[in-house]
Amino acid sequence: MAKYDLTVIGHLTLDAISSRGDRLHRSMGGSPFYGGLTACKLGARVAVVSRVASGEHQLMFTSVFRRVGVSAFLLGGKNTTYFEIEYGEGGRKLRLASRAEDLSFIDVPVEALDSSTVLLSPVAGELSLEFVEAVSRYCKRHGFLVAGDLQGFTRAFFEDGTVYFKQPEEELFKFLDVVKGSEREIKIATGCDSIKEALAWIATFGPRIVMATLGERGALLFSEDRLLRVYPLKAEVVVDPTGAGDAFVASFLIGLLWSMELEDCLKLACSVATCVIERKLPLGDVDREYIIERSAKVRVERLT
């Protein structure tokens, strides 16, 4: 048996977030934060691998993870990745203010890779194709599943930190068993205008599950010629949508680990994502029973 159920690899972040003119607030972020902590709430054994500025930031993040039982392998460096995020009528604006150094496979502790599922979730291009290939080869030798979130593979940044999007190398997909991206990221990654065609195209490279999150419209999942549509729960209150996608994919992967049907994995993921938007997760007081009970209200439809 693997030591961990899920290991999340990617940059942790410190974000400055504002919404529709509201005052700025600062928050920890990144997929290891939202995805790792949420998976832990579900009862999973979780590890995270990241790089932050040596010293105070290492201690701060380590303290948060240790408090909830997540094993944190935090490499030190000169900087912590820092985003400025603004939500407005036109959607989300993202600017990269500082960036931690890339992660190298040689720096990843072997213990952290002793995990049934490894989620590669960069935010600013910190995981190279060579890194992904090395992780994939290691995991395949040990029978572990490898998932990838496209967000950091499709982002690039101008000198002023403004984000723009690029198409990742097609070879990326052959190293992944599960792929998740936003509708925009999936279309950019494939060059397809049709989201359904884009999902199917990615699957031709080998991933057995490909998902596109659609924001307030839910998500689509393509697997073995099946196309599923999940419709989200209505949030009781929208506090902050940051991190919902990270929590979505992490909880979906935990559902897979529990041998749940794909429909039920999607229901679990939607329940979790809604809790993040409401800020009941990742640091709120909701428990696994509440999340699973709420997931029963989620509707999934088979389209093909």
Protein backbone atom coordinates (compact mmCIF):
# COMPACT_ATOMS: atom_id res chain seq x y z
CA MET A 1 0.00 0.00 0.00
CA ALA A 2 1.22 3.50 -0.84
CA LYS A 3 2.00 5.83 2.05
CA TYR A 4 -0.26 8.58 0.67
CA ASP A 5 -3.58 8.64 -1.16
CA LEU A 6 -2.82 11.92 -2.93
CA THR A 7 0.28 14.02 -3.48
CA VAL A 8 -0.22 17.49 -4.95
CA ILE A 9 2.76 19.11 -6.68
CA GLY A 10 2.91 22.78 -7.70
CA HIS A 11 3.61 26.24 -6.38
CA LEU A 12 1.89 27.49 -3.27
CA THR A 13 0.92 31.13 -3.61
CA LEU A 14 0.20 34.24 -1.61
CA ASP A 15 -2.63 36.06 -3.36
CA ALA A 16 -4.00 39.57 -3.16
CA ILE A 17 -7.68 39.24 -4.10
CA SER A 18 -10.30 41.90 -4.79
CA SER A 19 -13.85 41.54 -6.09
CA ARG A 20 -16.05 44.14 -7.80
CA GLY A 21 -14.50 47.07 -5.99
CA ASP A 22 -14.38 45.39 -2.59
CA ARG A 23 -11.29 45.91 -0.49
CA LEU A 24 -8.21 43.82 -1.13
CA HIS A 25 -7.66 40.78 1.03
CA ARG A 26 -4.66 38.48 1.16
CA SER A 27 -4.89 34.72 1.09
CA MET A 28 -2.79 31.59 0.84
CA GLY A 29 -3.42 29.73 -2.37
CA GLY A 30 -2.26 27.28 -5.00
CA SER A 31 -3.42 23.74 -5.70
CA PRO A 32 -1.43 22.19 -2.81
CA PHE A 33 -3.33 24.54 -0.48
CA TYR A 34 -6.88 24.20 -1.83
CA GLY A 35 -6.60 20.68 -3.21
CA GLY A 36 -4.39 19.23 -0.50
CA LEU A 37 -6.35 20.59 2.45
CA THR A 38 -9.69 19.63 0.91
CA ALA A 39 -8.57 16.05 0.24
CA CYS A 40 -7.44 15.86 3.86
CA LYS A 41 -10.93 16.99 4.96
CA LEU A 42 -12.30 13.99 3.08
CA GLY A 43 -10.12 11.70 5.17
CA ALA A 44 -7.36 11.13 2.63
CA ARG A 45 -3.67 10.76 3.49
CA VAL A 46 -2.16 13.76 1.72
CA ALA A 47 1.28 15.10 0.87
CA VAL A 48 2.16 18.33 -0.91
CA VAL A 49 5.36 19.33 -2.70
CA SER A 50 6.09 22.98 -3.39
CA ARG A 51 8.66 25.74 -3.27
CA VAL A 52 8.33 28.97 -1.29
CA ALA A 53 10.68 31.61 0.03
CA SER A 54 12.99 30.20 2.69
CA GLY A 55 12.31 31.16 6.28
CA GLU A 56 9.06 32.81 7.31
CA HIS A 57 6.96 31.58 4.40
CA GLN A 58 8.19 28.01 4.80
CA LEU A 59 7.27 28.07 8.48
CA MET A 60 3.88 29.70 7.85
CA PHE A 61 2.72 27.18 5.24
CA THR A 62 4.21 24.22 7.11
CA SER A 63 2.31 25.23 10.24
CA VAL A 64 -1.02 25.28 8.37
CA PHE A 65 -0.46 21.87 6.81
CA ARG A 66 0.88 20.26 9.96
CA ARG A 67 -2.15 21.45 11.93
CA VAL A 68 -4.51 19.41 9.75
CA GLY A 69 -2.27 16.41 9.15
CA VAL A 70 -0.92 17.08 5.65
CA SER A 71 2.72 16.11 5.04
CA ALA A 72 4.38 19.19 3.55
CA PHE A 73 7.61 18.90 1.57
CA LEU A 74 8.35 22.59 1.06
CA LEU A 75 11.57 23.43 -0.75
CA GLY A 76 13.13 26.78 0.01
CA GLY A 77 14.09 29.52 -2.42
CA LYS A 78 14.38 33.26 -2.93
CA ASN A 79 10.71 33.97 -3.67
CA THR A 80 7.17 32.81 -3.10
CA THR A 81 4.75 32.91 -6.04
CA TYR A 82 2.45 35.88 -5.57
CA PHE A 83 -0.63 36.73 -7.66
CA GLU A 84 -2.86 39.76 -7.81
CA ILE A 85 -6.39 38.55 -8.61
CA GLU A 86 -9.32 40.81 -9.43
CA TYR A 87 -12.88 39.59 -10.01
CA GLY A 88 -15.17 41.88 -11.97
CA GLU A 89 -17.94 41.95 -14.54
CA GLY A 90 -15.56 40.71 -17.23
CA GLY A 91 -14.40 37.72 -15.19
CA ARG A 92 -11.07 37.23 -13.48
CA LYS A 93 -7.93 39.29 -14.08
CA LEU A 94 -4.67 37.72 -13.02
CA ARG A 95 -1.23 39.30 -12.63
CA LEU A 96 1.94 37.56 -11.51
CA ALA A 97 3.79 39.77 -9.04
CA SER A 98 6.57 37.33 -8.11
CA ARG A 99 7.44 33.72 -8.85
CA ALA A 100 9.23 30.96 -6.99
CA GLU A 101 11.86 28.97 -8.82
CA ASP A 102 10.92 25.91 -10.88
CA LEU A 103 10.58 22.51 -9.27
CA SER A 104 13.08 19.84 -10.33
CA PHE A 105 12.36 16.14 -10.19
CA ILE A 106 15.65 15.50 -8.41
CA ASP A 107 14.47 17.76 -5.56
CA VAL A 108 11.24 15.82 -4.95
CA PRO A 109 11.60 13.45 -1.97
CA VAL A 110 10.97 9.82 -2.91
CA GLU A 111 8.64 9.57 0.09
CA ALA A 112 6.33 12.18 -1.46
CA LEU A 113 5.94 10.07 -4.60
CA ASP A 114 4.85 7.02 -2.62
CA SER A 115 1.27 7.97 -3.39
CA SER A 116 -1.66 6.21 -5.08
CA THR A 117 -2.37 9.41 -7.02
CA VAL A 118 -0.06 12.28 -7.95
CA LEU A 119 -1.66 15.54 -9.07
CA LEU A 120 0.59 17.84 -11.08
CA SER A 121 -0.90 21.30 -10.77
CA PRO A 122 1.41 24.17 -11.68
CA VAL A 123 0.24 27.78 -11.59
CA ALA A 124 3.03 29.56 -13.48
CA GLY A 125 4.91 27.08 -15.63
CA GLU A 126 7.00 25.71 -12.76
CA LEU A 127 6.69 22.09 -13.91
CA SER A 128 8.56 21.36 -17.14
CA LEU A 129 7.64 18.64 -19.62
CA GLU A 130 10.76 16.77 -18.46
CA PHE A 131 9.48 16.96 -14.87
CA VAL A 132 6.08 15.58 -15.90
CA GLU A 133 7.71 12.76 -17.86
CA ALA A 134 9.95 11.80 -14.92
CA VAL A 135 7.04 11.74 -12.47
CA SER A 136 4.92 9.78 -14.94
CA ARG A 137 7.59 7.14 -15.51
CA TYR A 138 8.14 6.74 -11.77
CA CYS A 139 4.42 6.42 -11.05
CA LYS A 140 3.79 3.97 -13.88
CA ARG A 141 6.56 1.71 -12.54
CA HIS A 142 4.78 1.63 -9.19
CA GLY A 143 1.20 1.44 -10.47
CA PHE A 144 0.27 4.96 -9.35
CA LEU A 145 -2.12 7.28 -11.20
CA VAL A 146 -0.93 10.64 -12.56
CA ALA A 147 -3.31 13.58 -13.05
CA GLY A 148 -2.61 17.00 -14.47
CA ASP A 149 -4.35 20.37 -14.19
CA LEU A 150 -3.78 22.45 -17.30
CA GLN A 151 -3.86 25.87 -15.62
CA GLY A 152 -0.10 26.29 -15.21
CA PHE A 153 0.72 24.47 -18.44
CA THR A 154 -1.27 26.94 -20.55
CA ARG A 155 -0.25 30.18 -18.81
CA ALA A 156 2.58 32.49 -19.79
CA PHE A 157 3.34 35.98 -18.56
CA PHE A 158 4.47 39.29 -20.01
CA GLU A 159 7.23 41.22 -18.24
CA ASP A 160 4.65 43.21 -16.25
CA GLY A 161 3.11 39.96 -14.96
CA THR A 162 -0.01 40.08 -17.13
CA VAL A 163 -1.10 36.59 -18.09
CA TYR A 164 -1.58 35.30 -21.61
CA PHE A 165 -2.28 31.78 -22.77
CA LYS A 166 -0.23 29.37 -24.85
CA GLN A 167 -0.69 25.89 -26.23
CA PRO A 168 1.29 23.26 -24.31
CA GLU A 169 3.24 20.56 -26.09
CA GLU A 170 0.99 17.71 -27.22
CA GLU A 171 3.41 15.25 -25.66
CA LEU A 172 2.22 16.39 -22.23
CA PHE A 173 -1.01 14.43 -22.54
CA LYS A 174 0.63 11.05 -23.05
CA PHE A 175 2.12 11.25 -19.55
CA LEU A 176 -1.23 11.82 -17.81
CA ASP A 177 -4.04 9.45 -16.84
CA VAL A 178 -6.47 12.21 -15.88
CA VAL A 179 -6.58 15.73 -17.34
CA LYS A 180 -8.55 18.66 -15.97
CA GLY A 181 -8.78 22.19 -17.31
CA SER A 182 -11.18 25.06 -17.56
CA GLU A 183 -13.19 25.30 -20.77
CA ARG A 184 -10.82 28.04 -21.94
CA GLU A 185 -7.69 26.05 -21.08
CA ILE A 186 -8.96 22.91 -22.81
CA LYS A 187 -9.78 24.83 -25.99
CA ILE A 188 -6.42 26.64 -25.96
CA ALA A 189 -4.54 23.40 -25.35
CA THR A 190 -6.17 21.76 -28.36
CA GLY A 191 -6.94 24.59 -30.74
CA CYS A 192 -10.53 23.29 -30.96
CA ASP A 193 -13.54 25.60 -30.78
CA SER A 194 -15.82 22.72 -29.78
CA ILE A 195 -15.29 21.70 -26.16
CA LYS A 196 -16.64 18.21 -26.85
CA GLU A 197 -14.18 17.70 -29.72
CA ALA A 198 -11.37 19.09 -27.59
CA LEU A 199 -12.01 16.62 -24.77
CA ALA A 200 -12.13 13.69 -27.19
CA TRP A 201 -8.94 14.87 -28.94
CA ILE A 202 -6.96 14.96 -25.68
CA ALA A 203 -8.17 11.44 -24.87
CA THR A 204 -6.57 10.11 -28.07
CA PHE A 205 -3.15 10.66 -26.48
CA GLY A 206 -3.89 8.26 -23.63
CA PRO A 207 -5.68 9.96 -20.72
CA ARG A 208 -8.67 7.85 -19.72
CA ILE A 209 -10.51 10.78 -18.15
CA VAL A 210 -10.57 14.36 -19.46
CA MET A 211 -12.57 17.07 -17.70
CA ALA A 212 -13.49 20.67 -18.46
CA THR A 213 -14.84 22.90 -15.72
CA LEU A 214 -17.45 25.39 -16.91
CA GLY A 215 -17.67 27.73 -13.93
CA GLU A 216 -21.26 28.39 -12.91
CA ARG A 217 -22.42 25.93 -15.61
CA GLY A 218 -20.78 22.90 -14.00
CA ALA A 219 -18.36 20.60 -15.79
CA LEU A 220 -18.01 18.07 -18.60
CA LEU A 221 -16.22 14.72 -18.42
CA PHE A 222 -15.14 12.53 -21.34
CA SER A 223 -14.12 8.92 -20.76
CA GLU A 224 -14.20 5.98 -23.17
CA ASP A 225 -16.67 7.67 -25.53
CA ARG A 226 -18.95 8.65 -22.64
CA LEU A 227 -19.68 12.33 -22.14
CA LEU A 228 -21.08 13.36 -18.75
CA ARG A 229 -22.39 16.77 -17.71
CA VAL A 230 -22.56 17.75 -14.05
CA TYR A 231 -24.69 20.67 -12.91
CA PRO A 232 -23.41 22.60 -9.89
CA LEU A 233 -25.16 23.28 -6.63
CA LYS A 234 -26.31 26.82 -6.07
CA ALA A 235 -24.00 28.40 -3.51
CA GLU A 236 -25.74 29.68 -0.39
CA VAL A 237 -23.42 32.67 -0.55
CA VAL A 238 -20.62 33.47 -3.00
CA VAL A 239 -17.64 34.55 -0.92
CA ASP A 240 -14.67 33.83 -3.19
CA PRO A 241 -14.40 31.36 -6.11
CA THR A 242 -10.59 31.19 -5.91
CA GLY A 243 -9.43 27.61 -5.49
CA ALA A 244 -12.70 25.93 -6.45
CA GLY A 245 -11.13 24.25 -9.48
CA ASP A 246 -8.18 22.98 -7.43
CA ALA A 247 -10.52 21.47 -4.85
CA PHE A 248 -12.75 20.06 -7.61
CA VAL A 249 -10.02 17.97 -9.22
CA ALA A 250 -8.47 16.86 -5.91
CA SER A 251 -11.79 15.61 -4.54
CA PHE A 252 -12.65 13.96 -7.86
CA LEU A 253 -9.39 12.01 -7.62
CA ILE A 254 -10.21 10.93 -4.07
CA GLY A 255 -13.55 9.66 -5.37
CA LEU A 256 -11.69 7.59 -7.96
CA LEU A 257 -9.45 6.22 -5.23
CA TRP A 258 -12.57 5.19 -3.31
CA SER A 259 -13.68 3.28 -6.45
CA MET A 260 -16.73 5.49 -6.89
CA GLU A 261 -18.54 5.62 -10.22
CA LEU A 262 -17.58 8.58 -12.40
CA GLU A 263 -20.99 10.16 -11.83
CA ASP A 264 -20.49 10.02 -8.07
CA CYS A 265 -16.95 11.38 -8.35
CA LEU A 266 -18.38 14.38 -10.18
CA LYS A 267 -21.08 14.86 -7.55
CA LEU A 268 -18.46 14.79 -4.80
CA ALA A 269 -16.26 17.25 -6.69
CA CYS A 270 -19.15 19.67 -7.24
CA SER A 271 -20.15 19.53 -3.59
CA VAL A 272 -16.59 20.34 -2.57
CA ALA A 273 -16.21 23.16 -5.11
CA THR A 274 -19.40 24.80 -3.83
CA CYS A 275 -18.11 24.60 -0.26
CA VAL A 276 -14.91 26.36 -1.35
CA ILE A 277 -16.88 29.15 -3.04
CA GLU A 278 -18.82 29.56 0.21
CA ARG A 279 -15.51 29.37 2.14
CA LYS A 280 -16.68 26.40 4.16
CA LEU A 281 -13.52 24.78 2.74
CA PRO A 282 -10.61 24.35 2.87
CA LEU A 283 -10.23 25.72 6.40
CA GLY A 284 -13.89 25.81 7.45
CA ASP A 285 -15.54 23.45 9.89
CA VAL A 286 -17.47 21.22 7.46
CA ASP A 287 -16.73 17.50 7.62
CA ARG A 288 -16.74 14.59 5.21
CA GLU A 289 -20.29 13.57 6.11
CA TYR A 290 -21.64 17.04 5.27
CA ILE A 291 -19.81 17.07 1.92
CA ILE A 292 -21.06 13.62 0.91
CA GLU A 293 -24.62 14.34 2.07
CA ARG A 294 -24.66 17.52 -0.02
CA SER A 295 -23.26 15.70 -3.05
CA ALA A 296 -26.48 13.68 -3.26
CA LYS A 297 -28.23 16.87 -4.43
CA VAL A 298 -25.94 17.26 -7.46
CA ARG A 299 -27.34 16.27 -10.85
CA VAL A 300 -25.30 14.43 -13.48
CA GLU A 301 -26.52 13.79 -17.02
CA ARG A 302 -25.08 11.44 -19.62
CA LEU A 303 -24.91 13.20 -22.99
CA THR A 304 -23.45 10.35 -25.08
